[in-house]
Amino acid sequence: STNDNIKDLLDWYSSGSDTFTNSEVLDNSLGSMRIKNTDGSISLIIFPSPYYSPAFTKGEKVDLNTKRT
């Protein structure tokens, strides 16, 4: 799965397969991303290096379970 690939490559993974589905980006700074989940909860993703941080824009709907090139 994508989560397993992410865990292998970046040494982190989401707690559940649907945790981030259709989430909204609240803040996207180097090395971290703060997103609002569909259930209203807030998730903070910490990347091991700023270079791993994907370029999402604030307010964009994202599904982090789908690989983005």
N, C-alpha and C. Protein backbone atom coordinates (compact mmCIF):
# COMPACT_ATOMS: atom_id res chain seq x y z
N SER A 1 0.84 -1.20 0.00
CA SER A 1 0.00 0.00 0.00
C SER A 1 0.87 1.24 0.00
N THR A 2 0.25 2.37 -0.31
CA THR A 2 0.99 3.63 -0.31
C THR A 2 1.52 3.94 1.08
N ASN A 3 0.69 3.68 2.11
CA ASN A 3 1.13 3.95 3.47
C ASN A 3 2.39 3.16 3.82
N ASP A 4 2.43 1.90 3.40
CA ASP A 4 3.61 1.08 3.67
C ASP A 4 4.82 1.63 2.94
N ASN A 5 4.62 2.08 1.70
CA ASN A 5 5.72 2.66 0.94
C ASN A 5 6.24 3.92 1.61
N ILE A 6 5.32 4.75 2.08
CA ILE A 6 5.72 5.98 2.76
C ILE A 6 6.48 5.65 4.04
N LYS A 7 5.97 4.68 4.78
CA LYS A 7 6.64 4.29 6.03
C LYS A 7 8.06 3.81 5.74
N ASP A 8 8.22 3.02 4.67
CA ASP A 8 9.54 2.52 4.32
C ASP A 8 10.48 3.64 3.90
N LEU A 9 9.97 4.57 3.10
CA LEU A 9 10.81 5.61 2.54
C LEU A 9 11.08 6.74 3.53
N LEU A 10 10.05 7.15 4.25
CA LEU A 10 10.17 8.35 5.08
C LEU A 10 10.08 8.05 6.57
N ASP A 11 9.84 6.77 6.90
CA ASP A 11 9.75 6.33 8.29
C ASP A 11 8.61 7.00 9.04
N TRP A 12 7.49 7.24 8.36
CA TRP A 12 6.26 7.66 9.03
C TRP A 12 5.08 7.13 8.25
N TYR A 13 3.96 7.05 8.92
CA TYR A 13 2.75 6.56 8.25
C TYR A 13 1.53 7.06 9.00
N SER A 14 0.41 7.11 8.33
CA SER A 14 -0.82 7.56 8.97
C SER A 14 -1.37 6.45 9.85
N SER A 15 -2.13 6.84 10.86
CA SER A 15 -2.65 5.86 11.82
C SER A 15 -3.75 5.00 11.21
N GLY A 16 -4.37 5.49 10.15
CA GLY A 16 -5.42 4.72 9.50
C GLY A 16 -5.46 5.04 8.03
N SER A 17 -5.97 4.13 7.24
CA SER A 17 -5.91 4.29 5.79
C SER A 17 -6.73 5.48 5.30
N ASP A 18 -7.76 5.87 6.05
CA ASP A 18 -8.62 6.96 5.61
C ASP A 18 -8.41 8.24 6.40
N THR A 19 -7.36 8.27 7.22
CA THR A 19 -7.18 9.39 8.13
C THR A 19 -7.15 10.73 7.40
N PHE A 20 -6.47 10.78 6.26
CA PHE A 20 -6.24 12.05 5.59
C PHE A 20 -7.07 12.24 4.33
N THR A 21 -8.00 11.33 4.07
CA THR A 21 -8.74 11.39 2.82
C THR A 21 -9.52 12.70 2.70
N ASN A 22 -9.34 13.39 1.58
CA ASN A 22 -10.04 14.64 1.30
C ASN A 22 -9.86 15.68 2.40
N SER A 23 -8.67 15.69 2.98
CA SER A 23 -8.37 16.67 4.01
C SER A 23 -8.08 18.02 3.37
N GLU A 24 -8.16 19.06 4.19
CA GLU A 24 -7.88 20.41 3.71
C GLU A 24 -6.58 20.91 4.33
N VAL A 25 -5.70 21.42 3.50
CA VAL A 25 -4.43 21.92 4.00
C VAL A 25 -4.65 23.25 4.71
N LEU A 26 -4.25 23.31 5.98
CA LEU A 26 -4.36 24.56 6.73
C LEU A 26 -3.05 25.33 6.69
N ASP A 27 -1.96 24.59 6.77
CA ASP A 27 -0.65 25.23 6.79
C ASP A 27 0.35 24.26 6.18
N ASN A 28 1.19 24.74 5.31
CA ASN A 28 2.19 23.88 4.68
C ASN A 28 3.53 24.58 4.73
N SER A 29 4.27 24.34 5.80
CA SER A 29 5.59 24.93 5.92
C SER A 29 6.63 23.84 5.71
N LEU A 30 7.86 24.22 5.50
CA LEU A 30 8.91 23.25 5.23
C LEU A 30 9.01 22.25 6.37
N GLY A 31 8.94 20.99 6.02
CA GLY A 31 9.13 19.96 7.02
C GLY A 31 7.90 19.56 7.78
N SER A 32 6.78 20.26 7.58
CA SER A 32 5.56 19.89 8.30
C SER A 32 4.33 20.32 7.51
N MET A 33 3.22 19.72 7.84
CA MET A 33 1.96 20.09 7.22
C MET A 33 0.85 19.94 8.25
N ARG A 34 0.03 20.96 8.38
CA ARG A 34 -1.11 20.89 9.30
C ARG A 34 -2.37 20.82 8.44
N ILE A 35 -3.17 19.79 8.67
CA ILE A 35 -4.35 19.59 7.85
C ILE A 35 -5.58 19.35 8.70
N LYS A 36 -6.73 19.73 8.15
CA LYS A 36 -8.02 19.49 8.80
C LYS A 36 -8.68 18.30 8.14
N ASN A 37 -9.00 17.29 8.93
CA ASN A 37 -9.60 16.07 8.40
C ASN A 37 -11.10 16.24 8.23
N THR A 38 -11.69 15.33 7.48
CA THR A 38 -13.12 15.42 7.20
C THR A 38 -13.95 15.30 8.47
N ASP A 39 -13.40 14.67 9.52
CA ASP A 39 -14.15 14.55 10.77
C ASP A 39 -13.94 15.76 11.67
N GLY A 40 -13.22 16.76 11.17
CA GLY A 40 -13.01 17.99 11.94
C GLY A 40 -11.74 18.00 12.77
N SER A 41 -11.09 16.86 12.88
CA SER A 41 -9.86 16.80 13.67
C SER A 41 -8.70 17.43 12.90
N ILE A 42 -7.67 17.80 13.62
CA ILE A 42 -6.49 18.40 13.02
C ILE A 42 -5.33 17.43 13.10
N SER A 43 -4.63 17.24 12.01
CA SER A 43 -3.45 16.38 12.00
C SER A 43 -2.22 17.20 11.65
N LEU A 44 -1.14 16.93 12.35
CA LEU A 44 0.15 17.55 12.04
C LEU A 44 1.07 16.46 11.53
N ILE A 45 1.54 16.63 10.32
CA ILE A 45 2.47 15.66 9.73
C ILE A 45 3.86 16.28 9.77
N ILE A 46 4.79 15.56 10.37
CA ILE A 46 6.17 16.01 10.41
C ILE A 46 6.98 15.19 9.41
N PHE A 47 7.64 15.86 8.50
CA PHE A 47 8.48 15.18 7.53
C PHE A 47 9.91 15.13 8.06
N PRO A 48 10.64 14.07 7.78
CA PRO A 48 12.00 13.93 8.31
C PRO A 48 12.98 14.96 7.75
N SER A 49 12.63 15.55 6.63
CA SER A 49 13.47 16.58 6.04
C SER A 49 12.57 17.53 5.28
N PRO A 50 12.91 18.82 5.25
CA PRO A 50 12.10 19.77 4.47
C PRO A 50 11.96 19.35 3.02
N TYR A 51 12.93 18.62 2.52
CA TYR A 51 12.91 18.25 1.11
C TYR A 51 11.84 17.22 0.80
N TYR A 52 11.32 16.55 1.83
CA TYR A 52 10.26 15.57 1.62
C TYR A 52 8.88 16.21 1.62
N SER A 53 8.79 17.46 2.05
CA SER A 53 7.50 18.11 2.21
C SER A 53 6.85 18.34 0.85
N PRO A 54 5.68 17.75 0.59
CA PRO A 54 5.04 17.93 -0.71
C PRO A 54 4.49 19.34 -0.87
N ALA A 55 4.43 19.80 -2.10
CA ALA A 55 4.01 21.17 -2.37
C ALA A 55 2.50 21.24 -2.55
N PHE A 56 1.77 21.23 -1.45
CA PHE A 56 0.34 21.46 -1.49
C PHE A 56 0.08 22.92 -1.16
N THR A 57 -1.00 23.47 -1.67
CA THR A 57 -1.33 24.85 -1.37
C THR A 57 -2.41 24.91 -0.32
N LYS A 58 -2.41 25.99 0.46
CA LYS A 58 -3.39 26.15 1.53
C LYS A 58 -4.80 26.12 0.96
N GLY A 59 -5.67 25.36 1.60
CA GLY A 59 -7.05 25.26 1.15
C GLY A 59 -7.29 24.17 0.13
N GLU A 60 -6.21 23.59 -0.36
CA GLU A 60 -6.34 22.51 -1.35
C GLU A 60 -6.87 21.25 -0.68
N LYS A 61 -7.77 20.57 -1.38
CA LYS A 61 -8.25 19.28 -0.90
C LYS A 61 -7.23 18.22 -1.29
N VAL A 62 -6.79 17.44 -0.33
CA VAL A 62 -5.76 16.46 -0.61
C VAL A 62 -6.17 15.08 -0.12
N ASP A 63 -5.63 14.08 -0.75
CA ASP A 63 -5.78 12.71 -0.29
C ASP A 63 -4.37 12.14 -0.22
N LEU A 64 -3.81 12.11 0.98
CA LEU A 64 -2.42 11.70 1.11
C LEU A 64 -2.24 10.20 0.97
N ASN A 65 -3.33 9.48 0.78
CA ASN A 65 -3.21 8.05 0.50
C ASN A 65 -2.98 7.79 -0.98
N THR A 66 -3.07 8.86 -1.78
CA THR A 66 -2.80 8.75 -3.21
C THR A 66 -1.44 9.36 -3.50
N LYS A 67 -0.60 8.63 -4.18
CA LYS A 67 0.73 9.16 -4.48
C LYS A 67 0.62 10.39 -5.36
N ARG A 68 1.42 11.39 -5.06
CA ARG A 68 1.44 12.62 -5.85
C ARG A 68 2.85 12.82 -6.38
N THR A 69 2.95 13.05 -7.68
CA THR A 69 4.28 13.20 -8.27
C THR A 69 4.64 14.67 -8.37
